[in-house]
Amino acid sequence: MNTNVSTGTIARTAALAVTLLNMILTAAGKNPLPFSDTDAYSAVSTAATAVTAVIAWWKNNSFTENAKKADKYMQELNNEESDF
């Protein structure tokens, strides 16, 4: 058994479980979420903005000439490695 389950797999499985539970409770006439649609929209919008901000911040954003040269050099090194 492989014990190296990725974080993405765990997150997707948890999201699936929550959404399935929500659908079952909604079909049974229950209100599983103790907040309004507007609150849910705001929460999803905030989460999407936060995730986008973290991704944009985390990625290598090269502004200076030296940083751009270093990126080009790194790309050349990566291309050399893929030739083997």
C-alpha atoms as a PDB file:
ATOM      1  CA  MET A   1       0.000   0.000   0.000  1.00  0.00           C
ATOM      2  CA  ASN A   2       1.350   3.411  -0.978  1.00  0.00           C
ATOM      3  CA  THR A   3       1.445   5.751   2.036  1.00  0.00           C
ATOM      4  CA  ASN A   4       2.630   8.777   0.038  1.00  0.00           C
ATOM      5  CA  VAL A   5      -0.766  10.381  -0.565  1.00  0.00           C
ATOM      6  CA  SER A   6      -0.444  13.943  -1.837  1.00  0.00           C
ATOM      7  CA  THR A   7      -1.943  16.900  -0.029  1.00  0.00           C
ATOM      8  CA  GLY A   8      -3.958  17.685  -3.163  1.00  0.00           C
ATOM      9  CA  THR A   9      -5.553  14.231  -3.079  1.00  0.00           C
ATOM     10  CA  ILE A  10      -6.527  14.668   0.561  1.00  0.00           C
ATOM     11  CA  ALA A  11      -7.946  18.156  -0.076  1.00  0.00           C
ATOM     12  CA  ARG A  12      -9.983  16.987  -3.090  1.00  0.00           C
ATOM     13  CA  THR A  13     -11.323  13.992  -1.154  1.00  0.00           C
ATOM     14  CA  ALA A  14     -12.315  16.193   1.796  1.00  0.00           C
ATOM     15  CA  ALA A  15     -14.016  18.705  -0.522  1.00  0.00           C
ATOM     16  CA  LEU A  16     -15.912  15.861  -2.213  1.00  0.00           C
ATOM     17  CA  ALA A  17     -17.051  14.470   1.148  1.00  0.00           C
ATOM     18  CA  VAL A  18     -18.270  17.886   2.327  1.00  0.00           C
ATOM     19  CA  THR A  19     -20.151  18.589  -0.897  1.00  0.00           C
ATOM     20  CA  LEU A  20     -21.765  15.126  -0.928  1.00  0.00           C
ATOM     21  CA  LEU A  21     -22.854  15.541   2.693  1.00  0.00           C
ATOM     22  CA  ASN A  22     -24.234  18.979   1.851  1.00  0.00           C
ATOM     23  CA  MET A  23     -26.242  17.550  -1.080  1.00  0.00           C
ATOM     24  CA  ILE A  24     -27.646  14.715   1.040  1.00  0.00           C
ATOM     25  CA  LEU A  25     -28.707  17.097   3.817  1.00  0.00           C
ATOM     26  CA  THR A  26     -30.196  19.564   1.315  1.00  0.00           C
ATOM     27  CA  ALA A  27     -32.172  16.733  -0.346  1.00  0.00           C
ATOM     28  CA  ALA A  28     -33.475  15.754   3.100  1.00  0.00           C
ATOM     29  CA  GLY A  29     -34.763  19.299   3.625  1.00  0.00           C
ATOM     30  CA  LYS A  30     -32.098  20.304   6.126  1.00  0.00           C
ATOM     31  CA  ASN A  31     -30.043  23.490   5.952  1.00  0.00           C
ATOM     32  CA  PRO A  32     -26.574  22.103   6.594  1.00  0.00           C
ATOM     33  CA  LEU A  33     -24.804  25.419   6.299  1.00  0.00           C
ATOM     34  CA  PRO A  34     -25.608  27.936   9.038  1.00  0.00           C
ATOM     35  CA  PHE A  35     -25.125  30.988   6.810  1.00  0.00           C
ATOM     36  CA  SER A  36     -26.778  32.700   3.874  1.00  0.00           C
ATOM     37  CA  ASP A  37     -25.933  32.393   0.178  1.00  0.00           C
ATOM     38  CA  THR A  38     -24.356  35.845   0.331  1.00  0.00           C
ATOM     39  CA  ASP A  39     -22.094  34.735   3.171  1.00  0.00           C
ATOM     40  CA  ALA A  40     -21.093  31.637   1.200  1.00  0.00           C
ATOM     41  CA  TYR A  41     -20.360  33.728  -1.903  1.00  0.00           C
ATOM     42  CA  SER A  42     -18.222  36.124   0.133  1.00  0.00           C
ATOM     43  CA  ALA A  43     -16.300  33.249   1.703  1.00  0.00           C
ATOM     44  CA  VAL A  44     -15.629  31.583  -1.665  1.00  0.00           C
ATOM     45  CA  SER A  45     -14.593  34.901  -3.223  1.00  0.00           C
ATOM     46  CA  THR A  46     -12.252  35.641  -0.335  1.00  0.00           C
ATOM     47  CA  ALA A  47     -10.719  32.162  -0.508  1.00  0.00           C
ATOM     48  CA  ALA A  48     -10.220  32.423  -4.282  1.00  0.00           C
ATOM     49  CA  THR A  49      -8.574  35.819  -3.891  1.00  0.00           C
ATOM     50  CA  ALA A  50      -6.292  34.532  -1.134  1.00  0.00           C
ATOM     51  CA  VAL A  51      -5.255  31.461  -3.156  1.00  0.00           C
ATOM     52  CA  THR A  52      -4.583  33.590  -6.239  1.00  0.00           C
ATOM     53  CA  ALA A  53      -2.533  36.050  -4.185  1.00  0.00           C
ATOM     54  CA  VAL A  54      -0.428  33.285  -2.642  1.00  0.00           C
ATOM     55  CA  ILE A  55       0.209  31.656  -6.031  1.00  0.00           C
ATOM     56  CA  ALA A  56       1.151  34.990  -7.602  1.00  0.00           C
ATOM     57  CA  TRP A  57       3.461  35.752  -4.689  1.00  0.00           C
ATOM     58  CA  TRP A  58       5.018  32.273  -4.619  1.00  0.00           C
ATOM     59  CA  LYS A  59       5.879  32.142  -8.313  1.00  0.00           C
ATOM     60  CA  ASN A  60       9.243  33.466  -9.393  1.00  0.00           C
ATOM     61  CA  ASN A  61       8.568  37.053 -10.459  1.00  0.00           C
ATOM     62  CA  SER A  62      11.762  38.456 -11.915  1.00  0.00           C
ATOM     63  CA  PHE A  63      11.843  42.221 -12.266  1.00  0.00           C
ATOM     64  CA  THR A  64      15.550  43.089 -12.345  1.00  0.00           C
ATOM     65  CA  GLU A  65      17.903  42.397 -15.255  1.00  0.00           C
ATOM     66  CA  ASN A  66      20.041  40.092 -13.106  1.00  0.00           C
ATOM     67  CA  ALA A  67      17.002  38.084 -12.076  1.00  0.00           C
ATOM     68  CA  LYS A  68      15.908  37.750 -15.720  1.00  0.00           C
ATOM     69  CA  LYS A  69      19.418  36.586 -16.696  1.00  0.00           C
ATOM     70  CA  ALA A  70      19.367  34.063 -13.863  1.00  0.00           C
ATOM     71  CA  ASP A  71      15.985  32.747 -15.065  1.00  0.00           C
ATOM     72  CA  LYS A  72      17.361  32.334 -18.577  1.00  0.00           C
ATOM     73  CA  TYR A  73      20.439  30.522 -17.249  1.00  0.00           C
ATOM     74  CA  MET A  74      18.243  28.215 -15.141  1.00  0.00           C
ATOM     75  CA  GLN A  75      16.092  27.437 -18.188  1.00  0.00           C
ATOM     76  CA  GLU A  76      19.227  26.570 -20.190  1.00  0.00           C
ATOM     77  CA  LEU A  77      20.399  24.243 -17.415  1.00  0.00           C
ATOM     78  CA  ASN A  78      16.981  22.564 -17.287  1.00  0.00           C
ATOM     79  CA  ASN A  79      17.015  22.112 -21.061  1.00  0.00           C
ATOM     80  CA  GLU A  80      20.458  20.501 -20.873  1.00  0.00           C
ATOM     81  CA  GLU A  81      19.212  18.056 -18.219  1.00  0.00           C
ATOM     82  CA  SER A  82      16.240  17.047 -20.371  1.00  0.00           C
ATOM     83  CA  ASP A  83      18.565  16.184 -23.288  1.00  0.00           C
ATOM     84  CA  PHE A  84      19.960  13.181 -21.400  1.00  0.00           C
END
